[in-house]
Amino acid sequence: ILIGGILSGIFTPTEAAAIAAIYALILGCFVYREISLADLWKILKENPWMKDLFVEPKDVEKAQQDLTIKSTLIHKLAGKVIEMRGGSGA
């Protein structure tokens, strides 16, 4: 299926890799029953590539604070540049 899909142009090699990974998960979870749903959740949370999908509220708050500080600094800097050029800023 994977090679046929690539050769026929249905999907790219990258998409074929994603399909293969999903297929392997399905086999591991439901056919061979080697991976439980709890194990799957643990695997996904510990995977460094997947960590960004699980955002904690404290991380969101920190990002908002950083953006607020940066936008305030940019606004102040822009005001100083306009002031130095003798403009009114309006």
C-alpha atoms as a PDB file:
ATOM      1  CA  ILE A   1       0.000   0.000   0.000  1.00  0.00           C
ATOM      2  CA  LEU A   2       2.767   2.440   0.932  1.00  0.00           C
ATOM      3  CA  ILE A   3       4.963   1.866  -2.108  1.00  0.00           C
ATOM      4  CA  GLY A   4       1.937   1.756  -4.401  1.00  0.00           C
ATOM      5  CA  GLY A   5       0.668   5.022  -2.956  1.00  0.00           C
ATOM      6  CA  ILE A   6       4.032   6.701  -3.464  1.00  0.00           C
ATOM      7  CA  LEU A   7       4.539   5.377  -6.996  1.00  0.00           C
ATOM      8  CA  SER A   8       1.006   6.272  -8.079  1.00  0.00           C
ATOM      9  CA  GLY A   9       1.349   9.774  -6.659  1.00  0.00           C
ATOM     10  CA  ILE A  10      -1.451   9.400  -4.119  1.00  0.00           C
ATOM     11  CA  PHE A  11       0.850  10.534  -1.344  1.00  0.00           C
ATOM     12  CA  THR A  12       4.441  11.664  -0.800  1.00  0.00           C
ATOM     13  CA  PRO A  13       7.107   9.655   1.041  1.00  0.00           C
ATOM     14  CA  THR A  14       6.589  11.865   4.101  1.00  0.00           C
ATOM     15  CA  GLU A  15       2.870  11.183   4.087  1.00  0.00           C
ATOM     16  CA  ALA A  16       3.607   7.476   3.599  1.00  0.00           C
ATOM     17  CA  ALA A  17       5.780   7.564   6.739  1.00  0.00           C
ATOM     18  CA  ALA A  18       2.935   9.144   8.709  1.00  0.00           C
ATOM     19  CA  ILE A  19       0.513   6.510   7.418  1.00  0.00           C
ATOM     20  CA  ALA A  20       2.981   3.758   8.361  1.00  0.00           C
ATOM     21  CA  ALA A  21       3.309   5.193  11.881  1.00  0.00           C
ATOM     22  CA  ILE A  22      -0.462   5.335  12.335  1.00  0.00           C
ATOM     23  CA  TYR A  23      -0.782   1.804  10.957  1.00  0.00           C
ATOM     24  CA  ALA A  24       1.868   0.575  13.417  1.00  0.00           C
ATOM     25  CA  LEU A  25      -0.022   2.228  16.293  1.00  0.00           C
ATOM     26  CA  ILE A  26      -3.261   0.581  15.231  1.00  0.00           C
ATOM     27  CA  LEU A  27      -1.554  -2.808  15.031  1.00  0.00           C
ATOM     28  CA  GLY A  28       0.170  -2.346  18.396  1.00  0.00           C
ATOM     29  CA  CYS A  29      -2.963  -1.136  20.180  1.00  0.00           C
ATOM     30  CA  PHE A  30      -5.794  -3.156  18.693  1.00  0.00           C
ATOM     31  CA  VAL A  31      -4.453  -6.176  16.806  1.00  0.00           C
ATOM     32  CA  TYR A  32      -1.515  -7.346  18.941  1.00  0.00           C
ATOM     33  CA  ARG A  33      -2.699  -5.526  22.104  1.00  0.00           C
ATOM     34  CA  GLU A  34       0.880  -4.786  23.139  1.00  0.00           C
ATOM     35  CA  ILE A  35       0.196  -1.081  23.751  1.00  0.00           C
ATOM     36  CA  SER A  36      -2.629  -0.004  26.034  1.00  0.00           C
ATOM     37  CA  LEU A  37      -4.281   3.385  25.654  1.00  0.00           C
ATOM     38  CA  ALA A  38      -2.615   4.454  28.926  1.00  0.00           C
ATOM     39  CA  ASP A  39       0.762   3.434  27.501  1.00  0.00           C
ATOM     40  CA  LEU A  40       0.004   5.304  24.282  1.00  0.00           C
ATOM     41  CA  TRP A  41      -0.833   8.465  26.246  1.00  0.00           C
ATOM     42  CA  LYS A  42       2.428   8.139  28.200  1.00  0.00           C
ATOM     43  CA  ILE A  43       4.411   7.619  24.990  1.00  0.00           C
ATOM     44  CA  LEU A  44       2.891  10.690  23.373  1.00  0.00           C
ATOM     45  CA  LYS A  45       3.480  12.909  26.418  1.00  0.00           C
ATOM     46  CA  GLU A  46       7.118  11.816  26.781  1.00  0.00           C
ATOM     47  CA  ASN A  47       7.969  12.163  23.089  1.00  0.00           C
ATOM     48  CA  PRO A  48      10.035  15.356  22.622  1.00  0.00           C
ATOM     49  CA  TRP A  49       8.366  16.080  19.276  1.00  0.00           C
ATOM     50  CA  MET A  50       4.901  15.861  20.810  1.00  0.00           C
ATOM     51  CA  LYS A  51       5.578  17.892  23.950  1.00  0.00           C
ATOM     52  CA  ASP A  52       4.583  21.120  22.192  1.00  0.00           C
ATOM     53  CA  LEU A  53       1.081  19.771  21.636  1.00  0.00           C
ATOM     54  CA  PHE A  54       0.487  19.510  25.374  1.00  0.00           C
ATOM     55  CA  VAL A  55       0.619  23.099  26.613  1.00  0.00           C
ATOM     56  CA  GLU A  56       0.206  23.722  30.312  1.00  0.00           C
ATOM     57  CA  PRO A  57      -1.676  26.810  31.532  1.00  0.00           C
ATOM     58  CA  LYS A  58       1.439  28.206  33.244  1.00  0.00           C
ATOM     59  CA  ASP A  59       3.258  28.107  29.897  1.00  0.00           C
ATOM     60  CA  VAL A  60       0.445  30.057  28.222  1.00  0.00           C
ATOM     61  CA  GLU A  61       0.527  32.648  30.997  1.00  0.00           C
ATOM     62  CA  LYS A  62       4.318  33.011  30.652  1.00  0.00           C
ATOM     63  CA  ALA A  63       4.018  33.461  26.881  1.00  0.00           C
ATOM     64  CA  GLN A  64       1.361  36.146  27.347  1.00  0.00           C
ATOM     65  CA  GLN A  65       3.577  37.983  29.839  1.00  0.00           C
ATOM     66  CA  ASP A  66       6.543  37.832  27.462  1.00  0.00           C
ATOM     67  CA  LEU A  67       4.457  39.187  24.587  1.00  0.00           C
ATOM     68  CA  THR A  68       3.116  42.003  26.751  1.00  0.00           C
ATOM     69  CA  ILE A  69       6.613  43.002  27.841  1.00  0.00           C
ATOM     70  CA  LYS A  70       7.957  42.867  24.281  1.00  0.00           C
ATOM     71  CA  SER A  71       5.079  44.863  22.822  1.00  0.00           C
ATOM     72  CA  THR A  72       5.478  47.489  25.559  1.00  0.00           C
ATOM     73  CA  LEU A  73       9.198  47.778  24.828  1.00  0.00           C
ATOM     74  CA  ILE A  74       8.582  48.041  21.086  1.00  0.00           C
ATOM     75  CA  HIS A  75       5.964  50.740  21.656  1.00  0.00           C
ATOM     76  CA  LYS A  76       8.328  52.726  23.880  1.00  0.00           C
ATOM     77  CA  LEU A  77      11.199  52.347  21.409  1.00  0.00           C
ATOM     78  CA  ALA A  78       9.017  53.494  18.525  1.00  0.00           C
ATOM     79  CA  GLY A  79       7.970  56.528  20.577  1.00  0.00           C
ATOM     80  CA  LYS A  80      11.616  57.428  21.229  1.00  0.00           C
ATOM     81  CA  VAL A  81      12.497  57.092  17.533  1.00  0.00           C
ATOM     82  CA  ILE A  82       9.601  59.350  16.559  1.00  0.00           C
ATOM     83  CA  GLU A  83      10.615  61.807  19.282  1.00  0.00           C
ATOM     84  CA  MET A  84      14.230  61.845  18.042  1.00  0.00           C
ATOM     85  CA  ARG A  85      13.084  62.537  14.479  1.00  0.00           C
ATOM     86  CA  GLY A  86      10.987  65.439  15.705  1.00  0.00           C
ATOM     87  CA  GLY A  87       7.688  63.906  14.720  1.00  0.00           C
ATOM     88  CA  SER A  88       4.465  64.031  16.645  1.00  0.00           C
ATOM     89  CA  GLY A  89       3.790  60.293  16.343  1.00  0.00           C
ATOM     90  CA  ALA A  90       0.196  60.872  15.374  1.00  0.00           C
END
